[in-house]
Amino acid sequence: MNSEKNFTNKSQNLYIDAGNQLLKVGYQVNDKWIIKKIPNTALKDEFAQTLSSFRYTKIYWASVCKTSTTFLNSFFTQHHIDNNQITASDFQGKLLINDKIDINEVGVDILAYCYYIRLQPKTLALSFGTATVAIYYNMQLEGVVIGTDFVNSYSYLDDILGIDGHHVMMQDDFGTNTIDAVNGAKYYMVNGFINELLANKTIEQIYVSGGNKNIFNIYKNINHKHIEIVDEIVLKGLEAFINRK
C-alpha cells in the first residue's frame, strides 16, 4: 500500500493547531469536537497514526512552532497530502485590528482566538499555555500581554515536589506546609494577574482557554458575571475562520 492511500476515506475538514509543546488535531462532529493531542517530541512516532484515525476532506493547519512547521511541511510533501497552512496574512482584511499593530507580528494562534470572539466588545481573552496570554479585544484586536507560563512552570514544580494536582486546590492564604504554600502562590499569582488586567480596562466579557486542573480552580474566584471557558479555542477559531462563521 502506498503512503497516499493510508490517508484516504475522508469526510470533512480537519484542523491542526501546532503549539510550542503540543500538536492538536481535531474536527467537529454534531457540535462535538473530537481532538487528539501529540507532544511535539512524539510527532515522528504518533502523527501518521493519529492522522489516519480521522476521516477528513481537507486539512487546515496553523503553527507557532518552527519545528512543527518543518515537520508538517515535510510530512505532507512526503505523503502527497493536500493541505492548507493558515498564516497571519490570511487574516488580513478578515479581522479588525488596531492600526498600530502589524498583523504579521501577531501569532496565528492569537489571531484564531480573536476570530472566535471577533464580535465581542470590551473583552478580556485569556490563554494559559506555554505562555500566559491576555488579549484585549473591543470589536477589534487592541493589544496583547504575553507573560510568564503559569501552567507548565507550576506543573513542573508539582512534579519535583511530588504533588498530585488532582488532590490539591488553589488557596487564598499562606500555607503551613509545602503543598499549601505552593498552591497559595498559584492563587495569588494568577488571581493578581487577572485582577490587575481587569482594573486597567472596562471589561464586559472574559474568555478563558487552556490551563490545567489547578489553573481552572481560580476561575470561580474571579468577581465577574460573564466568564466563558472555551476548550481548544484556537482549533475552534480556525474552524470558524475557514467556514466564515
C-alpha atoms as a PDB file:
ATOM      1  CA  MET A   1       0.000   0.000   0.000  1.00  0.00           C
ATOM      2  CA  ASN A   2       1.487   3.358  -0.922  1.00  0.00           C
ATOM      3  CA  SER A   3       1.713   6.194   1.582  1.00  0.00           C
ATOM      4  CA  GLU A   4      -1.011   8.270  -0.005  1.00  0.00           C
ATOM      5  CA  LYS A   5      -3.626   5.557   0.392  1.00  0.00           C
ATOM      6  CA  ASN A   6      -3.017   5.457   4.135  1.00  0.00           C
ATOM      7  CA  PHE A   7      -4.803   8.777   4.410  1.00  0.00           C
ATOM      8  CA  THR A   8      -7.870   8.293   2.231  1.00  0.00           C
ATOM      9  CA  ASN A   9     -11.513   7.671   3.200  1.00  0.00           C
ATOM     10  CA  LYS A  10     -12.236  11.303   4.016  1.00  0.00           C
ATOM     11  CA  SER A  11     -15.404  13.124   5.026  1.00  0.00           C
ATOM     12  CA  GLN A  12     -14.808  16.623   6.452  1.00  0.00           C
ATOM     13  CA  ASN A  13     -12.299  19.346   7.297  1.00  0.00           C
ATOM     14  CA  LEU A  14      -9.564  18.549   9.782  1.00  0.00           C
ATOM     15  CA  TYR A  15      -7.854  21.267  11.823  1.00  0.00           C
ATOM     16  CA  ILE A  16      -4.385  21.245  13.348  1.00  0.00           C
ATOM     17  CA  ASP A  17      -3.065  23.638  15.996  1.00  0.00           C
ATOM     18  CA  ALA A  18       0.699  23.236  16.288  1.00  0.00           C
ATOM     19  CA  GLY A  19       1.796  24.877  19.509  1.00  0.00           C
ATOM     20  CA  ASN A  20       5.169  25.043  21.197  1.00  0.00           C
ATOM     21  CA  GLN A  21       4.678  21.861  23.187  1.00  0.00           C
ATOM     22  CA  LEU A  22       1.621  20.096  21.768  1.00  0.00           C
ATOM     23  CA  LEU A  23       0.179  19.474  18.345  1.00  0.00           C
ATOM     24  CA  LYS A  24      -3.622  19.233  18.472  1.00  0.00           C
ATOM     25  CA  VAL A  25      -5.603  17.533  15.721  1.00  0.00           C
ATOM     26  CA  GLY A  26      -9.384  17.624  15.579  1.00  0.00           C
ATOM     27  CA  TYR A  27     -12.685  18.298  13.909  1.00  0.00           C
ATOM     28  CA  GLN A  28     -16.286  18.945  14.818  1.00  0.00           C
ATOM     29  CA  VAL A  29     -18.976  16.267  14.624  1.00  0.00           C
ATOM     30  CA  ASN A  30     -22.545  17.259  15.501  1.00  0.00           C
ATOM     31  CA  ASP A  31     -21.418  20.196  17.685  1.00  0.00           C
ATOM     32  CA  LYS A  32     -18.905  17.976  19.483  1.00  0.00           C
ATOM     33  CA  TRP A  33     -15.185  18.263  18.931  1.00  0.00           C
ATOM     34  CA  ILE A  34     -13.035  15.163  18.614  1.00  0.00           C
ATOM     35  CA  ILE A  35      -9.449  16.146  19.415  1.00  0.00           C
ATOM     36  CA  LYS A  36      -6.213  14.249  19.826  1.00  0.00           C
ATOM     37  CA  LYS A  37      -3.057  15.756  21.286  1.00  0.00           C
ATOM     38  CA  ILE A  38       0.504  14.791  20.452  1.00  0.00           C
ATOM     39  CA  PRO A  39       3.582  16.049  22.308  1.00  0.00           C
ATOM     40  CA  ASN A  40       5.954  17.689  19.845  1.00  0.00           C
ATOM     41  CA  THR A  41       8.632  15.241  20.953  1.00  0.00           C
ATOM     42  CA  ALA A  42       6.478  12.345  19.680  1.00  0.00           C
ATOM     43  CA  LEU A  43       5.432  13.675  16.268  1.00  0.00           C
ATOM     44  CA  LYS A  44       7.577  11.237  14.282  1.00  0.00           C
ATOM     45  CA  ASP A  45       6.099   8.284  16.142  1.00  0.00           C
ATOM     46  CA  GLU A  46       2.468   9.312  16.539  1.00  0.00           C
ATOM     47  CA  PHE A  47       1.382  11.815  13.891  1.00  0.00           C
ATOM     48  CA  ALA A  48       0.842   9.388  10.994  1.00  0.00           C
ATOM     49  CA  GLN A  49      -1.246   7.043  13.131  1.00  0.00           C
ATOM     50  CA  THR A  50      -3.260   9.936  14.555  1.00  0.00           C
ATOM     51  CA  LEU A  51      -3.924  11.394  11.123  1.00  0.00           C
ATOM     52  CA  SER A  52      -5.087   8.077   9.706  1.00  0.00           C
ATOM     53  CA  SER A  53      -7.593   7.716  12.555  1.00  0.00           C
ATOM     54  CA  PHE A  54      -9.583  10.721  11.286  1.00  0.00           C
ATOM     55  CA  ARG A  55     -11.939  10.894   8.320  1.00  0.00           C
ATOM     56  CA  TYR A  56     -11.395  14.210   6.578  1.00  0.00           C
ATOM     57  CA  THR A  57     -11.726  16.020   3.267  1.00  0.00           C
ATOM     58  CA  LYS A  58      -9.220  18.850   3.712  1.00  0.00           C
ATOM     59  CA  ILE A  59      -6.555  19.739   6.239  1.00  0.00           C
ATOM     60  CA  TYR A  60      -6.187  23.255   7.607  1.00  0.00           C
ATOM     61  CA  TRP A  61      -3.349  23.921   9.993  1.00  0.00           C
ATOM     62  CA  ALA A  62      -1.627  26.736  11.853  1.00  0.00           C
ATOM     63  CA  SER A  63       1.680  26.659  13.672  1.00  0.00           C
ATOM     64  CA  VAL A  64       3.620  28.872  16.058  1.00  0.00           C
ATOM     65  CA  CYS A  65       6.435  26.333  16.391  1.00  0.00           C
ATOM     66  CA  LYS A  66       9.210  26.239  13.768  1.00  0.00           C
ATOM     67  CA  THR A  67       9.987  22.583  14.464  1.00  0.00           C
ATOM     68  CA  SER A  68       6.361  21.556  13.981  1.00  0.00           C
ATOM     69  CA  THR A  69       6.062  23.680  10.844  1.00  0.00           C
ATOM     70  CA  THR A  70       9.092  21.953   9.329  1.00  0.00           C
ATOM     71  CA  PHE A  71       7.781  18.528  10.332  1.00  0.00           C
ATOM     72  CA  LEU A  72       4.286  19.100   8.906  1.00  0.00           C
ATOM     73  CA  ASN A  73       5.532  20.519   5.615  1.00  0.00           C
ATOM     74  CA  SER A  74       7.899  17.577   5.198  1.00  0.00           C
ATOM     75  CA  PHE A  75       5.259  15.012   6.180  1.00  0.00           C
ATOM     76  CA  PHE A  76       2.585  16.350   3.838  1.00  0.00           C
ATOM     77  CA  THR A  77       5.052  16.573   0.958  1.00  0.00           C
ATOM     78  CA  GLN A  78       6.395  13.068   1.552  1.00  0.00           C
ATOM     79  CA  HIS A  79       2.900  11.545   1.656  1.00  0.00           C
ATOM     80  CA  HIS A  80       1.440  13.734  -1.121  1.00  0.00           C
ATOM     81  CA  ILE A  81      -1.291  15.049   1.162  1.00  0.00           C
ATOM     82  CA  ASP A  82      -3.111  18.196   0.110  1.00  0.00           C
ATOM     83  CA  ASN A  83      -3.064  20.708   2.970  1.00  0.00           C
ATOM     84  CA  ASN A  84      -3.657  24.373   3.701  1.00  0.00           C
ATOM     85  CA  GLN A  85      -1.441  26.277   6.111  1.00  0.00           C
ATOM     86  CA  ILE A  86      -3.151  29.268   7.716  1.00  0.00           C
ATOM     87  CA  THR A  87      -0.787  32.153   8.444  1.00  0.00           C
ATOM     88  CA  ALA A  88      -1.194  35.612   9.922  1.00  0.00           C
ATOM     89  CA  SER A  89      -1.506  37.183   6.484  1.00  0.00           C
ATOM     90  CA  ASP A  90      -4.643  35.127   5.794  1.00  0.00           C
ATOM     91  CA  PHE A  91      -6.450  37.175   8.449  1.00  0.00           C
ATOM     92  CA  GLN A  92      -5.634  40.452   6.713  1.00  0.00           C
ATOM     93  CA  GLY A  93      -8.922  42.196   5.975  1.00  0.00           C
ATOM     94  CA  LYS A  94     -10.878  39.423   7.719  1.00  0.00           C
ATOM     95  CA  LEU A  95     -10.280  40.612  11.279  1.00  0.00           C
ATOM     96  CA  LEU A  96     -10.307  44.165  12.632  1.00  0.00           C
ATOM     97  CA  ILE A  97      -7.020  45.157  14.247  1.00  0.00           C
ATOM     98  CA  ASN A  98      -5.687  48.300  15.912  1.00  0.00           C
ATOM     99  CA  ASP A  99      -3.833  50.208  13.180  1.00  0.00           C
ATOM    100  CA  LYS A 100      -0.730  50.336  15.402  1.00  0.00           C
ATOM    101  CA  ILE A 101      -0.415  46.541  15.186  1.00  0.00           C
ATOM    102  CA  ASP A 102       1.402  44.778  12.348  1.00  0.00           C
ATOM    103  CA  ILE A 103      -0.679  41.662  11.748  1.00  0.00           C
ATOM    104  CA  ASN A 104       2.410  39.749  10.624  1.00  0.00           C
ATOM    105  CA  GLU A 105       3.899  40.182  14.099  1.00  0.00           C
ATOM    106  CA  VAL A 106       0.887  38.568  15.762  1.00  0.00           C
ATOM    107  CA  GLY A 107       0.895  34.816  16.402  1.00  0.00           C
ATOM    108  CA  VAL A 108      -1.572  32.951  14.231  1.00  0.00           C
ATOM    109  CA  ASP A 109      -2.932  31.274  17.377  1.00  0.00           C
ATOM    110  CA  ILE A 110      -3.809  34.702  18.815  1.00  0.00           C
ATOM    111  CA  LEU A 111      -5.495  35.681  15.555  1.00  0.00           C
ATOM    112  CA  ALA A 112      -7.545  32.464  15.518  1.00  0.00           C
ATOM    113  CA  TYR A 113      -8.573  33.151  19.126  1.00  0.00           C
ATOM    114  CA  CYS A 114      -9.576  36.704  18.155  1.00  0.00           C
ATOM    115  CA  TYR A 115     -11.589  35.467  15.201  1.00  0.00           C
ATOM    116  CA  TYR A 116     -13.588  33.251  17.531  1.00  0.00           C
ATOM    117  CA  ILE A 117     -14.509  36.285  19.678  1.00  0.00           C
ATOM    118  CA  ARG A 118     -14.486  38.836  16.853  1.00  0.00           C
ATOM    119  CA  LEU A 119     -17.990  40.211  17.544  1.00  0.00           C
ATOM    120  CA  GLN A 120     -17.393  40.798  21.248  1.00  0.00           C
ATOM    121  CA  PRO A 121     -16.971  44.281  22.773  1.00  0.00           C
ATOM    122  CA  LYS A 122     -14.706  45.059  25.738  1.00  0.00           C
ATOM    123  CA  THR A 123     -13.451  41.506  26.107  1.00  0.00           C
ATOM    124  CA  LEU A 124     -10.525  40.072  28.043  1.00  0.00           C
ATOM    125  CA  ALA A 125      -9.385  36.832  26.417  1.00  0.00           C
ATOM    126  CA  LEU A 126      -7.010  34.661  28.452  1.00  0.00           C
ATOM    127  CA  SER A 127      -4.971  31.719  27.231  1.00  0.00           C
ATOM    128  CA  PHE A 128      -2.918  29.570  29.580  1.00  0.00           C
ATOM    129  CA  GLY A 129      -0.395  27.529  27.630  1.00  0.00           C
ATOM    130  CA  THR A 130       3.341  27.576  27.018  1.00  0.00           C
ATOM    131  CA  ALA A 131       2.966  31.295  27.704  1.00  0.00           C
ATOM    132  CA  THR A 132       0.231  33.123  29.569  1.00  0.00           C
ATOM    133  CA  VAL A 133      -1.513  35.364  27.047  1.00  0.00           C
ATOM    134  CA  ALA A 134      -4.041  38.125  27.711  1.00  0.00           C
ATOM    135  CA  ILE A 135      -5.818  39.736  24.764  1.00  0.00           C
ATOM    136  CA  TYR A 136      -7.835  42.929  24.958  1.00  0.00           C
ATOM    137  CA  TYR A 137     -10.488  42.813  22.254  1.00  0.00           C
ATOM    138  CA  ASN A 138     -13.069  45.533  21.684  1.00  0.00           C
ATOM    139  CA  MET A 139     -14.677  44.720  18.338  1.00  0.00           C
ATOM    140  CA  GLN A 140     -11.072  44.623  17.125  1.00  0.00           C
ATOM    141  CA  LEU A 141      -7.742  43.386  18.440  1.00  0.00           C
ATOM    142  CA  GLU A 142      -6.499  46.245  20.627  1.00  0.00           C
ATOM    143  CA  GLY A 143      -3.429  44.746  22.269  1.00  0.00           C
ATOM    144  CA  VAL A 144      -1.794  41.697  23.839  1.00  0.00           C
ATOM    145  CA  VAL A 145       0.117  40.887  27.033  1.00  0.00           C
ATOM    146  CA  ILE A 146       2.345  37.800  26.950  1.00  0.00           C
ATOM    147  CA  GLY A 147       3.796  36.742  30.259  1.00  0.00           C
ATOM    148  CA  THR A 148       5.121  34.009  32.482  1.00  0.00           C
ATOM    149  CA  ASP A 149       3.998  30.472  31.857  1.00  0.00           C
ATOM    150  CA  PHE A 150       1.877  29.769  34.951  1.00  0.00           C
ATOM    151  CA  VAL A 151       0.674  26.377  33.737  1.00  0.00           C
ATOM    152  CA  ASN A 152       3.831  24.491  32.899  1.00  0.00           C
ATOM    153  CA  SER A 153       6.080  26.166  35.449  1.00  0.00           C
ATOM    154  CA  TYR A 154       3.773  25.109  38.261  1.00  0.00           C
ATOM    155  CA  SER A 155       3.213  21.677  36.747  1.00  0.00           C
ATOM    156  CA  TYR A 156       6.999  21.249  36.725  1.00  0.00           C
ATOM    157  CA  LEU A 157       7.198  22.333  40.364  1.00  0.00           C
ATOM    158  CA  ASP A 158       4.383  19.914  41.245  1.00  0.00           C
ATOM    159  CA  ASP A 159       6.373  17.100  39.649  1.00  0.00           C
ATOM    160  CA  ILE A 160       9.535  17.994  41.556  1.00  0.00           C
ATOM    161  CA  LEU A 161       7.646  18.119  44.857  1.00  0.00           C
ATOM    162  CA  GLY A 162       5.598  15.016  44.095  1.00  0.00           C
ATOM    163  CA  ILE A 163       2.298  16.906  44.330  1.00  0.00           C
ATOM    164  CA  ASP A 164      -0.707  15.222  42.778  1.00  0.00           C
ATOM    165  CA  GLY A 165      -2.607  18.144  41.249  1.00  0.00           C
ATOM    166  CA  HIS A 166      -5.843  16.157  41.290  1.00  0.00           C
ATOM    167  CA  HIS A 167      -5.994  16.339  45.080  1.00  0.00           C
ATOM    168  CA  VAL A 168      -4.985  19.933  45.704  1.00  0.00           C
ATOM    169  CA  MET A 169      -6.696  23.261  45.171  1.00  0.00           C
ATOM    170  CA  MET A 170      -5.537  26.828  44.916  1.00  0.00           C
ATOM    171  CA  GLN A 171      -5.960  28.605  48.211  1.00  0.00           C
ATOM    172  CA  ASP A 172      -6.057  32.279  49.124  1.00  0.00           C
ATOM    173  CA  ASP A 173      -3.902  32.070  52.234  1.00  0.00           C
ATOM    174  CA  PHE A 174      -0.372  31.447  53.397  1.00  0.00           C
ATOM    175  CA  GLY A 175       0.473  27.770  53.642  1.00  0.00           C
ATOM    176  CA  THR A 176       1.613  25.855  56.687  1.00  0.00           C
ATOM    177  CA  ASN A 177       3.158  23.065  54.600  1.00  0.00           C
ATOM    178  CA  THR A 178       4.845  22.803  51.195  1.00  0.00           C
ATOM    179  CA  ILE A 179       1.760  21.827  49.224  1.00  0.00           C
ATOM    180  CA  ASP A 180      -0.374  24.611  50.694  1.00  0.00           C
ATOM    181  CA  ALA A 181       2.451  27.117  50.200  1.00  0.00           C
ATOM    182  CA  VAL A 182       2.782  26.244  46.505  1.00  0.00           C
ATOM    183  CA  ASN A 183      -0.967  26.383  45.951  1.00  0.00           C
ATOM    184  CA  GLY A 184      -1.185  29.718  47.745  1.00  0.00           C
ATOM    185  CA  ALA A 185       1.350  31.113  45.280  1.00  0.00           C
ATOM    186  CA  LYS A 186      -0.658  29.748  42.363  1.00  0.00           C
ATOM    187  CA  TYR A 187      -3.724  31.539  43.625  1.00  0.00           C
ATOM    188  CA  TYR A 188      -2.079  34.890  44.268  1.00  0.00           C
ATOM    189  CA  MET A 189      -0.080  34.975  41.035  1.00  0.00           C
ATOM    190  CA  VAL A 190      -2.898  34.011  38.693  1.00  0.00           C
ATOM    191  CA  ASN A 191      -5.567  35.956  40.572  1.00  0.00           C
ATOM    192  CA  GLY A 192      -3.341  39.038  40.776  1.00  0.00           C
ATOM    193  CA  PHE A 193      -2.528  38.831  37.077  1.00  0.00           C
ATOM    194  CA  ILE A 194      -6.197  38.645  36.099  1.00  0.00           C
ATOM    195  CA  ASN A 195      -7.446  41.273  38.547  1.00  0.00           C
ATOM    196  CA  GLU A 196      -4.761  43.758  37.505  1.00  0.00           C
ATOM    197  CA  LEU A 197      -5.852  43.346  33.884  1.00  0.00           C
ATOM    198  CA  LEU A 198      -9.467  43.889  34.920  1.00  0.00           C
ATOM    199  CA  ALA A 199      -8.513  47.014  36.828  1.00  0.00           C
ATOM    200  CA  ASN A 200      -6.972  48.618  33.745  1.00  0.00           C
ATOM    201  CA  LYS A 201      -9.884  48.152  31.352  1.00  0.00           C
ATOM    202  CA  THR A 202     -13.670  48.175  31.394  1.00  0.00           C
ATOM    203  CA  ILE A 203     -14.385  44.519  30.698  1.00  0.00           C
ATOM    204  CA  GLU A 204     -17.816  43.149  29.845  1.00  0.00           C
ATOM    205  CA  GLN A 205     -16.828  39.581  28.962  1.00  0.00           C
ATOM    206  CA  ILE A 206     -13.986  37.202  29.835  1.00  0.00           C
ATOM    207  CA  TYR A 207     -12.988  34.231  27.715  1.00  0.00           C
ATOM    208  CA  VAL A 208     -10.603  31.627  29.083  1.00  0.00           C
ATOM    209  CA  SER A 209      -8.860  28.777  27.293  1.00  0.00           C
ATOM    210  CA  GLY A 210      -6.028  26.440  28.180  1.00  0.00           C
ATOM    211  CA  GLY A 211      -4.681  25.627  31.599  1.00  0.00           C
ATOM    212  CA  ASN A 212      -4.806  22.523  33.721  1.00  0.00           C
ATOM    213  CA  LYS A 213      -6.924  21.352  36.633  1.00  0.00           C
ATOM    214  CA  ASN A 214      -5.139  23.638  39.090  1.00  0.00           C
ATOM    215  CA  ILE A 215      -5.386  26.767  36.954  1.00  0.00           C
ATOM    216  CA  PHE A 216      -9.083  26.188  36.331  1.00  0.00           C
ATOM    217  CA  ASN A 217      -9.765  26.301  40.061  1.00  0.00           C
ATOM    218  CA  ILE A 218      -9.157  30.030  40.085  1.00  0.00           C
ATOM    219  CA  TYR A 219     -11.789  30.992  37.535  1.00  0.00           C
ATOM    220  CA  LYS A 220     -14.621  30.662  40.013  1.00  0.00           C
ATOM    221  CA  ASN A 221     -12.849  33.212  42.199  1.00  0.00           C
ATOM    222  CA  ILE A 222     -12.909  35.954  39.567  1.00  0.00           C
ATOM    223  CA  ASN A 223     -15.510  38.502  40.562  1.00  0.00           C
ATOM    224  CA  HIS A 224     -17.059  38.876  37.135  1.00  0.00           C
ATOM    225  CA  LYS A 225     -20.511  37.987  35.855  1.00  0.00           C
ATOM    226  CA  HIS A 226     -19.628  36.938  32.331  1.00  0.00           C
ATOM    227  CA  ILE A 227     -16.915  34.288  32.117  1.00  0.00           C
ATOM    228  CA  GLU A 228     -16.885  31.699  29.354  1.00  0.00           C
ATOM    229  CA  ILE A 229     -14.414  28.819  29.384  1.00  0.00           C
ATOM    230  CA  VAL A 230     -13.803  27.510  25.850  1.00  0.00           C
ATOM    231  CA  ASP A 231     -11.657  24.416  25.402  1.00  0.00           C
ATOM    232  CA  GLU A 232      -9.310  24.384  22.384  1.00  0.00           C
ATOM    233  CA  ILE A 233     -10.335  27.836  21.240  1.00  0.00           C
ATOM    234  CA  VAL A 234      -7.587  28.024  18.593  1.00  0.00           C
ATOM    235  CA  LEU A 235      -8.943  24.984  16.741  1.00  0.00           C
ATOM    236  CA  LYS A 236     -12.452  26.405  17.007  1.00  0.00           C
ATOM    237  CA  GLY A 237     -11.246  29.767  15.777  1.00  0.00           C
ATOM    238  CA  LEU A 238      -9.597  28.153  12.765  1.00  0.00           C
ATOM    239  CA  GLU A 239     -12.801  26.258  12.015  1.00  0.00           C
ATOM    240  CA  ALA A 240     -14.877  29.438  12.299  1.00  0.00           C
ATOM    241  CA  PHE A 241     -12.412  31.311  10.083  1.00  0.00           C
ATOM    242  CA  ILE A 242     -12.411  28.696   7.320  1.00  0.00           C
ATOM    243  CA  ASN A 243     -16.194  28.447   7.357  1.00  0.00           C
ATOM    244  CA  ARG A 244     -16.580  32.205   7.916  1.00  0.00           C
ATOM    245  CA  LYS A 245     -18.978  31.693  10.805  1.00  0.00           C
END
